[in-house]
Structures are given as structure tokens and as C-alpha cells.
Amino acid sequence: AIPVRGRLHWAAVRGQPRQAEGELWFSTDRVLHYQPFCADFGPMNLACVSRFIALLREKMASPAAAGKRLVYYTANTPSQRSNCVFLLGCYLILEEGMTPDEAWSLFSSLEPAPFVPYRDA
């Protein structure tokens, strides 16, 4: 898992991840969905961003997660990785006060580049 900020980490996985002692893994792959217009896959709309931020706040404040590393994970596909990091970026900008460049710098150096750009529908 890649460190994001404090206890928060990110991972792209194949299959169901194994949760180690001191970790809490969670995903929004089955909860937040992009409604495509054509052959596009994102970015997520403001309702999804708002729901993600509320979910992450809840996870961070949960007594069950106290002192644990929180790992936000997604399926290991280019579109899922891009949408997942988009949501994390929104959280980092809106809740943690990062600039867009600061948020992107956490993921931009990953090799090979695991993200695909969004396209107009």
C-alpha cells in the first residue's frame, strides 16, 4: 500500500485483499459508480465526491479504526485506479488543504504509470 497522508494509504489489488493486524482495508468499488455517457469512465460526480468524503471521515473517526492503518483499495484496472485516486485527490484538497499539485505528487511518480486520462464523451 502507498502512504497517502497519516494513517491513510492506497492500493490497487487483484481479488480480495488480506487485512493484516493493525490494518483496515475498505473500498468504494461496489458503492460509488460513474454513470457513463459513451465510452468514458469518469471522473466521478460531486455526489460521489461528497459521499466518499463522508465515508472517509466516518472511517477515520471510527473506534474500530483507532490506531489502525486505513487502506483505501480498488480493483487493479486503469479506470478504477484513476477514479479511486481522483476521489482521494478530492479528499486531500477539500479536507486536508492540499493544492491539486501536492495531491497529484503523491501518485504521479508511480511507475509504470497506472492511470489513464479521462476523455470527453
Protein backbone atom coordinates (compact mmCIF):
# COMPACT_ATOMS: atom_id res chain seq x y z
CA ALA A 1 0.00 0.00 0.00
CA ILE A 2 1.17 3.51 -0.83
CA PRO A 3 1.20 6.05 2.01
CA VAL A 4 -1.10 8.99 1.30
CA ARG A 5 -1.45 11.07 4.48
CA GLY A 6 -1.06 10.00 8.09
CA ARG A 7 -2.82 6.66 8.58
CA LEU A 8 -4.38 6.76 5.11
CA HIS A 9 -2.92 4.52 2.39
CA TRP A 10 -3.95 3.49 -1.13
CA ALA A 11 -3.67 0.21 -3.03
CA ALA A 12 -4.81 -1.33 -6.30
CA VAL A 13 -5.33 -5.07 -5.91
CA ARG A 14 -6.39 -8.15 -7.80
CA GLY A 15 -9.06 -10.04 -5.88
CA GLN A 16 -9.91 -9.58 -2.23
CA PRO A 17 -7.04 -8.17 -0.14
CA ARG A 18 -5.88 -9.79 3.07
CA GLN A 19 -6.19 -7.50 6.03
CA ALA A 20 -3.16 -7.67 8.30
CA GLU A 21 -3.11 -6.94 12.02
CA GLY A 22 -3.39 -3.20 12.59
CA GLU A 23 -4.97 -2.50 9.18
CA LEU A 24 -8.47 -1.70 7.99
CA TRP A 25 -9.00 -2.11 4.24
CA PHE A 26 -12.04 -0.58 2.53
CA SER A 27 -13.24 0.06 -1.00
CA THR A 28 -15.96 2.03 -2.76
CA ASP A 29 -15.85 -0.02 -5.97
CA ARG A 30 -19.29 -1.50 -5.30
CA VAL A 31 -20.76 1.61 -3.70
CA LEU A 32 -19.81 4.61 -5.86
CA HIS A 33 -20.36 4.30 -9.60
CA TYR A 34 -19.76 6.57 -12.56
CA GLN A 35 -22.68 6.79 -15.00
CA PRO A 36 -21.04 6.74 -18.45
CA PHE A 37 -22.31 8.79 -21.36
CA CYS A 38 -20.48 6.82 -24.02
CA ALA A 39 -17.08 5.12 -23.77
CA ASP A 40 -15.98 7.29 -20.85
CA PHE A 41 -15.34 6.11 -17.27
CA GLY A 42 -15.13 9.23 -15.15
CA PRO A 43 -14.46 11.42 -13.31
CA MET A 44 -16.96 10.82 -10.54
CA ASN A 45 -19.66 13.46 -9.99
CA LEU A 46 -19.95 15.76 -6.96
CA ALA A 47 -22.43 13.44 -5.24
CA CYS A 48 -19.83 10.64 -5.33
CA VAL A 49 -17.14 13.01 -4.08
CA SER A 50 -19.37 14.11 -1.19
CA ARG A 51 -20.28 10.52 -0.27
CA PHE A 52 -16.62 9.47 -0.40
CA ILE A 53 -15.53 12.31 1.88
CA ALA A 54 -18.30 11.47 4.36
CA LEU A 55 -17.31 7.79 4.28
CA LEU A 56 -13.64 8.60 4.83
CA ARG A 57 -14.45 10.95 7.72
CA GLU A 58 -16.53 8.16 9.26
CA LYS A 59 -13.73 5.60 8.83
CA MET A 60 -11.14 7.99 10.34
CA ALA A 61 -13.34 8.68 13.38
CA SER A 62 -14.48 5.09 13.92
CA PRO A 63 -13.41 3.50 17.21
CA ALA A 64 -12.87 0.24 15.28
CA ALA A 65 -10.22 2.01 13.17
CA ALA A 66 -8.45 3.80 16.03
CA GLY A 67 -4.69 3.40 15.69
CA LYS A 68 -5.04 1.32 12.54
CA ARG A 69 -3.65 1.96 9.10
CA LEU A 70 -6.57 2.69 6.75
CA VAL A 71 -6.06 1.30 3.25
CA TYR A 72 -8.42 2.53 0.56
CA TYR A 73 -8.22 -0.03 -2.22
CA THR A 74 -9.62 -0.56 -5.68
CA ALA A 75 -9.60 -3.14 -8.43
CA ASN A 76 -6.40 -3.17 -10.44
CA THR A 77 -7.82 -1.76 -13.68
CA PRO A 78 -6.72 1.56 -15.21
CA SER A 79 -10.17 3.16 -14.98
CA GLN A 80 -10.78 2.03 -11.39
CA ARG A 81 -7.32 3.23 -10.32
CA SER A 82 -7.93 6.62 -11.97
CA ASN A 83 -11.33 7.10 -10.34
CA CYS A 84 -10.07 5.96 -6.94
CA VAL A 85 -7.17 8.40 -6.99
CA PHE A 86 -9.50 11.14 -8.23
CA LEU A 87 -11.64 10.64 -5.10
CA LEU A 88 -8.57 10.59 -2.87
CA GLY A 89 -7.31 13.77 -4.53
CA CYS A 90 -10.64 15.49 -3.89
CA TYR A 91 -10.44 14.47 -0.23
CA LEU A 92 -6.87 15.71 0.11
CA ILE A 93 -7.74 19.07 -1.48
CA LEU A 94 -11.09 19.68 0.24
CA GLU A 95 -10.40 18.18 3.66
CA GLU A 96 -6.63 18.27 4.13
CA GLY A 97 -5.96 21.62 2.44
CA MET A 98 -3.52 20.32 -0.17
CA THR A 99 -3.15 22.01 -3.53
CA PRO A 100 -4.02 19.92 -6.59
CA ASP A 101 -0.30 19.67 -7.41
CA GLU A 102 0.53 18.46 -3.90
CA ALA A 103 -2.20 15.82 -4.04
CA TRP A 104 -1.14 14.63 -7.51
CA SER A 105 2.52 14.46 -6.49
CA LEU A 106 1.69 11.52 -4.19
CA PHE A 107 0.71 9.40 -7.20
CA SER A 108 2.41 10.93 -10.26
CA SER A 109 5.74 9.20 -9.75
CA LEU A 110 4.35 5.65 -9.77
CA GLU A 111 5.94 3.53 -12.47
CA PRO A 112 4.74 2.29 -14.79
CA ALA A 113 2.06 4.97 -14.87
CA PRO A 114 -1.01 3.14 -13.54
CA PHE A 115 -3.58 5.76 -14.55
CA VAL A 116 -5.40 6.61 -17.76
CA PRO A 117 -6.58 10.09 -18.63
CA TYR A 118 -10.26 10.96 -18.75
CA ARG A 119 -11.81 11.61 -22.14
CA ASP A 120 -14.77 13.62 -23.35
CA ALA A 121 -17.87 11.58 -24.07
